[in-house]
Amino acid sequence: QVQLVESGGGLGKAGGSLRLSCTASGRPFDGYAMAWFRQAPGKEREFVADINWSGGRTYYADSVKGRFTITRDNAKNTVYLQMNSLKPEDTAVYYCARGSALRVGVGGLSDYDYWGQGTQVTVSS
């Protein structure tokens, strides 16, 4: 089993920054892609960012491109999401997820096999 625990959420202001962390335990971390998703009230869970196993390749949703940065530290079994220039529409529960070894794409819910419990991010205007 893999356990993913997110931290770093909270209240931010529009134009400000927050940094989320997700620490993995239970299975090797460095052989898998990792990603962040988010889900706002009444909306479906949506892809935010993905990073490959080495950290050498990243993908972003258009809505966060240029504002958010995903990184990872394999020595610490941790993936990060640096969120800058926050907007009220970034308000959501943020989830980290591990890429499935059998995935054929990036960003679809079925491309990930383990999920964290989520951390709330609220951005005030």
C-alpha atoms as a PDB file:
ATOM      1  CA  GLN A   1       0.000   0.000   0.000  1.00  0.00           C
ATOM      2  CA  VAL A   2       0.988   3.599  -0.597  1.00  0.00           C
ATOM      3  CA  GLN A   3       0.053   6.404   1.741  1.00  0.00           C
ATOM      4  CA  LEU A   4       0.056   9.976   0.482  1.00  0.00           C
ATOM      5  CA  VAL A   5      -0.283  12.806   2.981  1.00  0.00           C
ATOM      6  CA  GLU A   6      -0.761  16.393   1.839  1.00  0.00           C
ATOM      7  CA  SER A   7       0.065  19.459   3.899  1.00  0.00           C
ATOM      8  CA  GLY A   8       0.483  23.190   3.469  1.00  0.00           C
ATOM      9  CA  GLY A   9      -3.044  24.198   2.595  1.00  0.00           C
ATOM     10  CA  GLY A  10      -4.813  27.058   4.246  1.00  0.00           C
ATOM     11  CA  LEU A  11      -6.013  30.560   3.603  1.00  0.00           C
ATOM     12  CA  GLY A  12      -4.259  32.742   1.068  1.00  0.00           C
ATOM     13  CA  LYS A  13      -4.899  36.105  -0.490  1.00  0.00           C
ATOM     14  CA  ALA A  14      -5.355  36.886  -4.155  1.00  0.00           C
ATOM     15  CA  GLY A  15      -1.945  37.564  -5.606  1.00  0.00           C
ATOM     16  CA  GLY A  16      -0.230  35.687  -2.812  1.00  0.00           C
ATOM     17  CA  SER A  17       1.509  32.334  -2.593  1.00  0.00           C
ATOM     18  CA  LEU A  18       1.100  28.985  -0.910  1.00  0.00           C
ATOM     19  CA  ARG A  19       3.209  25.840  -1.039  1.00  0.00           C
ATOM     20  CA  LEU A  20       1.717  22.384  -0.790  1.00  0.00           C
ATOM     21  CA  SER A  21       3.647  19.248   0.092  1.00  0.00           C
ATOM     22  CA  CYS A  22       2.771  15.595  -0.355  1.00  0.00           C
ATOM     23  CA  THR A  23       4.832  12.922   1.350  1.00  0.00           C
ATOM     24  CA  ALA A  24       4.612   9.300   0.306  1.00  0.00           C
ATOM     25  CA  SER A  25       5.245   6.197   2.358  1.00  0.00           C
ATOM     26  CA  GLY A  26       4.781   2.478   1.976  1.00  0.00           C
ATOM     27  CA  ARG A  27       6.298   1.849  -1.443  1.00  0.00           C
ATOM     28  CA  PRO A  28       9.185   3.170  -3.542  1.00  0.00           C
ATOM     29  CA  PHE A  29       8.528   6.745  -4.569  1.00  0.00           C
ATOM     30  CA  ASP A  30      11.132   7.588  -7.132  1.00  0.00           C
ATOM     31  CA  GLY A  31       9.963   5.243  -9.879  1.00  0.00           C
ATOM     32  CA  TYR A  32       6.583   6.875 -10.360  1.00  0.00           C
ATOM     33  CA  ALA A  33       5.141  10.063 -11.716  1.00  0.00           C
ATOM     34  CA  MET A  34       3.253  12.236  -9.264  1.00  0.00           C
ATOM     35  CA  ALA A  35       0.511  14.782  -9.772  1.00  0.00           C
ATOM     36  CA  TRP A  36      -1.729  17.333  -8.148  1.00  0.00           C
ATOM     37  CA  PHE A  37      -5.469  17.578  -8.752  1.00  0.00           C
ATOM     38  CA  ARG A  38      -8.068  19.852  -7.226  1.00  0.00           C
ATOM     39  CA  GLN A  39     -11.796  19.796  -6.637  1.00  0.00           C
ATOM     40  CA  ALA A  40     -13.912  22.849  -5.971  1.00  0.00           C
ATOM     41  CA  PRO A  41     -17.370  22.579  -4.377  1.00  0.00           C
ATOM     42  CA  GLY A  42     -19.909  21.286  -6.859  1.00  0.00           C
ATOM     43  CA  LYS A  43     -17.287  20.619  -9.512  1.00  0.00           C
ATOM     44  CA  GLU A  44     -15.453  17.578 -10.770  1.00  0.00           C
ATOM     45  CA  ARG A  45     -11.903  16.828  -9.755  1.00  0.00           C
ATOM     46  CA  GLU A  46      -9.541  18.420 -12.249  1.00  0.00           C
ATOM     47  CA  PHE A  47      -5.917  17.974 -13.196  1.00  0.00           C
ATOM     48  CA  VAL A  48      -3.477  20.646 -12.028  1.00  0.00           C
ATOM     49  CA  ALA A  49       0.090  19.421 -12.616  1.00  0.00           C
ATOM     50  CA  ASP A  50       2.153  16.292 -13.163  1.00  0.00           C
ATOM     51  CA  ILE A  51       5.847  15.504 -12.817  1.00  0.00           C
ATOM     52  CA  ASN A  52       7.653  12.452 -14.128  1.00  0.00           C
ATOM     53  CA  TRP A  53       9.730  10.128 -11.962  1.00  0.00           C
ATOM     54  CA  SER A  54      12.968  12.062 -12.335  1.00  0.00           C
ATOM     55  CA  GLY A  55      11.510  15.539 -12.186  1.00  0.00           C
ATOM     56  CA  GLY A  56      12.737  16.241 -15.682  1.00  0.00           C
ATOM     57  CA  ARG A  57       9.336  16.571 -17.297  1.00  0.00           C
ATOM     58  CA  THR A  58       6.313  18.490 -16.068  1.00  0.00           C
ATOM     59  CA  TYR A  59       2.800  19.121 -17.317  1.00  0.00           C
ATOM     60  CA  TYR A  60       0.325  21.799 -16.284  1.00  0.00           C
ATOM     61  CA  ALA A  61      -3.299  22.650 -16.771  1.00  0.00           C
ATOM     62  CA  ASP A  62      -3.726  25.825 -18.791  1.00  0.00           C
ATOM     63  CA  SER A  63      -5.447  27.482 -15.849  1.00  0.00           C
ATOM     64  CA  VAL A  64      -2.307  27.302 -13.692  1.00  0.00           C
ATOM     65  CA  LYS A  65       0.478  27.448 -16.270  1.00  0.00           C
ATOM     66  CA  GLY A  66       2.963  30.174 -15.412  1.00  0.00           C
ATOM     67  CA  ARG A  67       1.654  30.488 -11.838  1.00  0.00           C
ATOM     68  CA  PHE A  68       2.121  27.025 -10.315  1.00  0.00           C
ATOM     69  CA  THR A  69       5.270  24.908 -10.222  1.00  0.00           C
ATOM     70  CA  ILE A  70       5.459  21.212  -9.406  1.00  0.00           C
ATOM     71  CA  THR A  71       8.730  19.776  -8.113  1.00  0.00           C
ATOM     72  CA  ARG A  72       9.835  16.679  -6.273  1.00  0.00           C
ATOM     73  CA  ASP A  73      12.554  15.541  -3.894  1.00  0.00           C
ATOM     74  CA  ASN A  74      12.985  11.794  -4.245  1.00  0.00           C
ATOM     75  CA  ALA A  75      15.319  11.644  -1.268  1.00  0.00           C
ATOM     76  CA  LYS A  76      12.459  12.942   0.892  1.00  0.00           C
ATOM     77  CA  ASN A  77       9.664  11.034  -0.894  1.00  0.00           C
ATOM     78  CA  THR A  78       7.927  14.377  -1.328  1.00  0.00           C
ATOM     79  CA  VAL A  79       6.304  16.281  -4.156  1.00  0.00           C
ATOM     80  CA  TYR A  80       5.575  19.993  -3.921  1.00  0.00           C
ATOM     81  CA  LEU A  81       3.215  22.452  -5.544  1.00  0.00           C
ATOM     82  CA  GLN A  82       4.326  26.071  -5.379  1.00  0.00           C
ATOM     83  CA  MET A  83       1.316  28.259  -6.061  1.00  0.00           C
ATOM     84  CA  ASN A  84       1.968  31.900  -6.912  1.00  0.00           C
ATOM     85  CA  SER A  85      -0.305  34.700  -8.085  1.00  0.00           C
ATOM     86  CA  LEU A  86      -3.219  32.997  -6.414  1.00  0.00           C
ATOM     87  CA  LYS A  87      -6.753  33.694  -7.607  1.00  0.00           C
ATOM     88  CA  PRO A  88     -10.057  33.132  -5.809  1.00  0.00           C
ATOM     89  CA  GLU A  89     -10.873  30.500  -8.439  1.00  0.00           C
ATOM     90  CA  ASP A  90      -7.934  28.439  -7.144  1.00  0.00           C
ATOM     91  CA  THR A  91     -10.037  27.712  -4.066  1.00  0.00           C
ATOM     92  CA  ALA A  92     -10.451  23.934  -3.839  1.00  0.00           C
ATOM     93  CA  VAL A  93      -9.382  20.804  -2.049  1.00  0.00           C
ATOM     94  CA  TYR A  94      -6.016  19.811  -3.495  1.00  0.00           C
ATOM     95  CA  TYR A  95      -5.085  16.152  -3.837  1.00  0.00           C
ATOM     96  CA  CYS A  96      -1.810  14.519  -4.697  1.00  0.00           C
ATOM     97  CA  ALA A  97      -1.781  11.293  -6.648  1.00  0.00           C
ATOM     98  CA  ARG A  98       0.721   8.687  -7.791  1.00  0.00           C
ATOM     99  CA  GLY A  99       0.953   7.862 -11.454  1.00  0.00           C
ATOM    100  CA  SER A 100      -0.027   4.343 -12.348  1.00  0.00           C
ATOM    101  CA  ALA A 101       2.740   2.160 -13.743  1.00  0.00           C
ATOM    102  CA  LEU A 102       0.340   1.168 -16.539  1.00  0.00           C
ATOM    103  CA  ARG A 103      -0.888   4.628 -17.439  1.00  0.00           C
ATOM    104  CA  VAL A 104      -1.112   5.620 -21.058  1.00  0.00           C
ATOM    105  CA  GLY A 105      -1.547   9.343 -20.594  1.00  0.00           C
ATOM    106  CA  VAL A 106      -1.234  12.278 -18.231  1.00  0.00           C
ATOM    107  CA  GLY A 107      -3.956  14.111 -16.399  1.00  0.00           C
ATOM    108  CA  GLY A 108      -6.828  11.668 -16.500  1.00  0.00           C
ATOM    109  CA  LEU A 109      -8.153  10.308 -13.234  1.00  0.00           C
ATOM    110  CA  SER A 110      -7.508   6.746 -14.390  1.00  0.00           C
ATOM    111  CA  ASP A 111      -3.829   7.533 -14.957  1.00  0.00           C
ATOM    112  CA  TYR A 112      -3.286   7.560 -11.158  1.00  0.00           C
ATOM    113  CA  ASP A 113      -3.666   4.746  -8.692  1.00  0.00           C
ATOM    114  CA  TYR A 114      -3.140   6.196  -5.207  1.00  0.00           C
ATOM    115  CA  TRP A 115      -4.584   9.387  -3.809  1.00  0.00           C
ATOM    116  CA  GLY A 116      -4.104  11.469  -0.710  1.00  0.00           C
ATOM    117  CA  GLN A 117      -6.915  12.710   1.512  1.00  0.00           C
ATOM    118  CA  GLY A 118      -6.639  16.275   0.287  1.00  0.00           C
ATOM    119  CA  THR A 119      -5.820  19.655   1.768  1.00  0.00           C
ATOM    120  CA  GLN A 120      -8.078  22.709   1.595  1.00  0.00           C
ATOM    121  CA  VAL A 121      -6.854  25.852  -0.139  1.00  0.00           C
ATOM    122  CA  THR A 122      -8.992  28.956   0.163  1.00  0.00           C
ATOM    123  CA  VAL A 123      -8.066  32.155  -1.647  1.00  0.00           C
ATOM    124  CA  SER A 124      -9.723  35.388  -0.595  1.00  0.00           C
ATOM    125  CA  SER A 125     -10.116  38.343  -2.934  1.00  0.00           C
END
